[in-house]
C-alpha cells in the first residue's frame, strides 16, 4: 500500500512539473503575442496621428488665406442648410 502511495506522489509531482512548464510556455507565448499586437497598434496610432496633423494643417492653411472675389461670390450664393 505504501509503495502505491509513493508511486502516486511521484506521478503527481511529475504532472505538477509538466503543468508548471506548460503554463510558463503559454505565458511566454502570450507575452510575445501581446508585444507584437502592441507594436502594430502603436504603428497604426502614429499613422493616424500624422494623418490628423496633416489634415489640421490643411484646414489651418485654408483659413489663413484671404478669400478671393470668386470665393466670396460663391459663398454668398450658396443656400444655407
N, C-alpha and C. Protein backbone atom coordinates (compact mmCIF):
# COMPACT_ATOMS: atom_id res chain seq x y z
N UNK A 1 0.83 -1.18 0.00
CA UNK A 1 0.00 0.00 0.00
C UNK A 1 0.88 1.25 0.00
N UNK A 2 1.93 1.18 0.80
CA UNK A 2 2.84 2.33 0.91
C UNK A 2 3.54 2.58 -0.42
N UNK A 3 3.91 1.54 -1.13
CA UNK A 3 4.57 1.68 -2.43
C UNK A 3 3.63 2.36 -3.42
N UNK A 4 2.34 2.07 -3.34
CA UNK A 4 1.36 2.69 -4.22
C UNK A 4 1.26 4.19 -3.94
N UNK A 5 1.30 4.55 -2.64
CA UNK A 5 1.25 5.97 -2.27
C UNK A 5 2.48 6.71 -2.79
N UNK A 6 3.65 6.10 -2.67
CA UNK A 6 4.88 6.73 -3.17
C UNK A 6 4.83 6.90 -4.68
N UNK A 7 4.33 5.89 -5.36
CA UNK A 7 4.22 5.95 -6.82
C UNK A 7 3.23 7.06 -7.23
N UNK A 8 2.14 7.16 -6.51
CA UNK A 8 1.14 8.19 -6.80
C UNK A 8 1.74 9.58 -6.58
N UNK A 9 2.51 9.76 -5.51
CA UNK A 9 3.15 11.05 -5.22
C UNK A 9 4.13 11.42 -6.33
N UNK A 10 4.91 10.46 -6.77
CA UNK A 10 5.87 10.73 -7.84
C UNK A 10 5.15 11.13 -9.13
N UNK A 11 4.08 10.42 -9.41
CA UNK A 11 3.29 10.75 -10.60
C UNK A 11 2.69 12.15 -10.49
N UNK A 12 2.20 12.48 -9.31
CA UNK A 12 1.62 13.81 -9.08
C UNK A 12 2.68 14.89 -9.24
N UNK A 13 3.87 14.66 -8.72
CA UNK A 13 4.96 15.64 -8.85
C UNK A 13 5.34 15.82 -10.32
N UNK A 14 5.41 14.74 -11.05
CA UNK A 14 5.76 14.82 -12.48
C UNK A 14 4.70 15.61 -13.24
N UNK A 15 3.44 15.32 -12.94
CA UNK A 15 2.35 16.06 -13.59
C UNK A 15 2.37 17.53 -13.20
N UNK A 16 2.69 17.80 -11.94
CA UNK A 16 2.77 19.17 -11.46
C UNK A 16 3.88 19.93 -12.18
N UNK A 17 5.05 19.30 -12.31
CA UNK A 17 6.16 19.94 -13.02
C UNK A 17 5.81 20.19 -14.49
N UNK A 18 5.17 19.21 -15.10
CA UNK A 18 4.77 19.35 -16.50
C UNK A 18 3.75 20.48 -16.67
N UNK A 19 2.81 20.55 -15.75
CA UNK A 19 1.80 21.61 -15.81
C UNK A 19 2.44 22.98 -15.63
N UNK A 20 3.36 23.10 -14.71
CA UNK A 20 4.06 24.38 -14.50
C UNK A 20 4.83 24.80 -15.75
N UNK A 21 5.48 23.85 -16.40
CA UNK A 21 6.23 24.17 -17.62
C UNK A 21 5.29 24.61 -18.74
N UNK A 22 4.18 23.93 -18.87
CA UNK A 22 3.20 24.32 -19.89
C UNK A 22 2.67 25.74 -19.62
N UNK A 23 2.43 26.05 -18.37
CA UNK A 23 1.95 27.39 -18.02
C UNK A 23 3.01 28.45 -18.34
N UNK A 24 4.27 28.16 -18.06
CA UNK A 24 5.36 29.10 -18.39
C UNK A 24 5.44 29.31 -19.89
N UNK A 25 5.34 28.23 -20.65
CA UNK A 25 5.40 28.34 -22.11
C UNK A 25 4.24 29.17 -22.65
N UNK A 26 3.05 28.92 -22.14
CA UNK A 26 1.88 29.69 -22.57
C UNK A 26 2.01 31.15 -22.18
N UNK A 27 2.54 31.41 -21.01
CA UNK A 27 2.75 32.78 -20.56
C UNK A 27 3.73 33.50 -21.48
N UNK A 28 4.83 32.84 -21.84
CA UNK A 28 5.81 33.44 -22.75
C UNK A 28 5.19 33.71 -24.12
N UNK A 29 4.43 32.74 -24.62
CA UNK A 29 3.79 32.90 -25.93
C UNK A 29 2.78 34.06 -25.90
N UNK A 30 2.01 34.14 -24.84
CA UNK A 30 1.02 35.22 -24.70
C UNK A 30 1.70 36.58 -24.64
N UNK A 31 2.77 36.68 -23.88
CA UNK A 31 3.52 37.94 -23.80
C UNK A 31 4.09 38.34 -25.15
N UNK A 32 4.59 37.37 -25.90
CA UNK A 32 5.13 37.65 -27.23
C UNK A 32 4.02 38.16 -28.17
N UNK A 33 2.88 37.50 -28.15
CA UNK A 33 1.76 37.94 -29.00
C UNK A 33 1.28 39.33 -28.62
N UNK A 34 1.20 39.60 -27.33
CA UNK A 34 0.76 40.92 -26.87
C UNK A 34 1.76 42.00 -27.29
N UNK A 35 3.03 41.70 -27.20
CA UNK A 35 4.06 42.65 -27.62
C UNK A 35 3.92 42.96 -29.11
N UNK A 36 3.71 41.94 -29.92
CA UNK A 36 3.52 42.15 -31.36
C UNK A 36 2.29 42.99 -31.65
N UNK A 37 1.20 42.69 -30.95
CA UNK A 37 -0.03 43.47 -31.16
C UNK A 37 0.14 44.91 -30.70
N UNK A 38 0.85 45.12 -29.61
CA UNK A 38 1.10 46.48 -29.13
C UNK A 38 1.94 47.26 -30.14
N UNK A 39 2.94 46.61 -30.73
CA UNK A 39 3.76 47.27 -31.74
C UNK A 39 2.93 47.66 -32.95
N UNK A 40 2.05 46.77 -33.39
CA UNK A 40 1.19 47.06 -34.53
C UNK A 40 0.23 48.21 -34.21
N UNK A 41 -0.35 48.18 -33.03
CA UNK A 41 -1.27 49.24 -32.62
C UNK A 41 -0.53 50.58 -32.53
N UNK A 42 0.65 50.57 -31.96
CA UNK A 42 1.45 51.78 -31.85
C UNK A 42 1.75 52.36 -33.24
N UNK A 43 2.09 51.50 -34.20
CA UNK A 43 2.36 51.94 -35.56
C UNK A 43 1.11 52.58 -36.18
N UNK A 44 -0.03 51.93 -36.03
CA UNK A 44 -1.27 52.47 -36.60
C UNK A 44 -1.66 53.79 -35.94
N UNK A 45 -1.42 53.92 -34.66
CA UNK A 45 -1.71 55.19 -33.98
C UNK A 45 -0.81 56.31 -34.50
N UNK A 46 0.43 56.00 -34.79
CA UNK A 46 1.33 57.02 -35.36
C UNK A 46 0.84 57.46 -36.74
N UNK A 47 0.44 56.49 -37.55
CA UNK A 47 -0.06 56.82 -38.89
C UNK A 47 -1.31 57.69 -38.77
N UNK A 48 -2.22 57.34 -37.89
CA UNK A 48 -3.43 58.13 -37.68
C UNK A 48 -3.08 59.53 -37.19
N UNK A 49 -2.16 59.63 -36.25
CA UNK A 49 -1.74 60.93 -35.72
C UNK A 49 -1.17 61.81 -36.84
N UNK A 50 -0.29 61.25 -37.66
CA UNK A 50 0.30 62.02 -38.76
C UNK A 50 -0.78 62.47 -39.74
N UNK A 51 -1.75 61.62 -40.01
CA UNK A 51 -2.85 61.97 -40.92
C UNK A 51 -3.67 63.13 -40.34
N UNK A 52 -3.97 63.07 -39.07
CA UNK A 52 -4.76 64.13 -38.44
C UNK A 52 -3.99 65.44 -38.45
N UNK A 53 -2.71 65.40 -38.14
CA UNK A 53 -1.89 66.62 -38.16
C UNK A 53 -1.87 67.22 -39.57
N UNK A 54 -1.72 66.37 -40.57
CA UNK A 54 -1.71 66.85 -41.96
C UNK A 54 -3.05 67.50 -42.32
N UNK A 55 -4.14 66.87 -41.93
CA UNK A 55 -5.46 67.43 -42.23
C UNK A 55 -5.69 68.75 -41.50
N UNK A 56 -5.29 68.83 -40.25
CA UNK A 56 -5.43 70.07 -39.49
C UNK A 56 -4.58 71.19 -40.10
N UNK A 57 -3.40 70.84 -40.58
CA UNK A 57 -2.54 71.83 -41.23
C UNK A 57 -3.21 72.37 -42.49
N UNK A 58 -3.81 71.50 -43.28
CA UNK A 58 -4.51 71.93 -44.49
C UNK A 58 -5.68 72.84 -44.14
N UNK A 59 -6.43 72.47 -43.12
CA UNK A 59 -7.57 73.29 -42.69
C UNK A 59 -7.07 74.66 -42.22
N UNK A 60 -6.02 74.67 -41.43
CA UNK A 60 -5.48 75.92 -40.91
C UNK A 60 -4.96 76.81 -42.04
N UNK A 61 -4.29 76.22 -43.01
CA UNK A 61 -3.80 76.99 -44.16
C UNK A 61 -4.95 77.59 -44.93
N UNK A 62 -6.04 76.85 -45.06
CA UNK A 62 -7.21 77.35 -45.79
C UNK A 62 -7.85 78.53 -45.08
N UNK A 63 -7.81 78.56 -43.79
CA UNK A 63 -8.40 79.67 -43.02
C UNK A 63 -7.55 80.91 -43.06
N UNK A 64 -6.26 80.76 -43.26
CA UNK A 64 -5.36 81.90 -43.24
C UNK A 64 -5.34 82.64 -44.57
N UNK A 65 -5.73 82.00 -45.66
CA UNK A 65 -5.72 82.65 -46.96
C UNK A 65 -6.94 83.56 -47.09
N UNK A 66 -6.73 84.78 -47.54
CA UNK A 66 -7.88 85.67 -47.73
C UNK A 66 -8.76 85.16 -48.87
N UNK A 67 -10.04 85.43 -48.75
CA UNK A 67 -10.98 84.99 -49.79
C UNK A 67 -10.78 85.82 -51.05
N UNK A 68 -10.81 85.18 -52.19
CA UNK A 68 -10.76 85.87 -53.47
C UNK A 68 -12.19 86.28 -53.83
N UNK A 69 -12.33 87.18 -54.74
CA UNK A 69 -13.66 87.66 -55.12
C UNK A 69 -14.57 86.51 -55.56
N UNK A 70 -14.04 85.58 -56.34
CA UNK A 70 -14.88 84.48 -56.81
C UNK A 70 -15.33 83.60 -55.65
N UNK A 71 -14.47 83.44 -54.63
CA UNK A 71 -14.84 82.66 -53.45
C UNK A 71 -15.94 83.36 -52.66
N UNK A 72 -15.84 84.70 -52.54
CA UNK A 72 -16.85 85.45 -51.80
C UNK A 72 -18.21 85.33 -52.48
N UNK A 73 -18.23 85.42 -53.78
CA UNK A 73 -19.49 85.32 -54.52
C UNK A 73 -20.08 83.91 -54.38
N UNK A 74 -19.22 82.91 -54.42
CA UNK A 74 -19.68 81.53 -54.30
C UNK A 74 -20.25 81.29 -52.92
N UNK A 75 -19.61 81.82 -51.91
CA UNK A 75 -20.09 81.61 -50.55
C UNK A 75 -21.43 82.30 -50.31
N UNK A 76 -21.62 83.47 -50.88
CA UNK A 76 -22.88 84.18 -50.70
C UNK A 76 -24.01 83.50 -51.45
N UNK A 77 -23.67 82.91 -52.58
CA UNK A 77 -24.70 82.30 -53.42
C UNK A 77 -25.16 80.96 -52.89
N UNK A 78 -24.37 80.34 -52.06
CA UNK A 78 -24.76 79.03 -51.54
C UNK A 78 -25.93 79.17 -50.57
N UNK A 79 -26.94 78.33 -50.74
CA UNK A 79 -28.04 78.36 -49.76
C UNK A 79 -27.59 77.74 -48.45
N UNK A 80 -28.07 78.29 -47.37
CA UNK A 80 -27.76 77.73 -46.06
C UNK A 80 -28.61 76.52 -45.78
N UNK A 81 -28.07 75.60 -45.08
CA UNK A 81 -28.79 74.36 -44.78
C UNK A 81 -29.59 74.49 -43.53
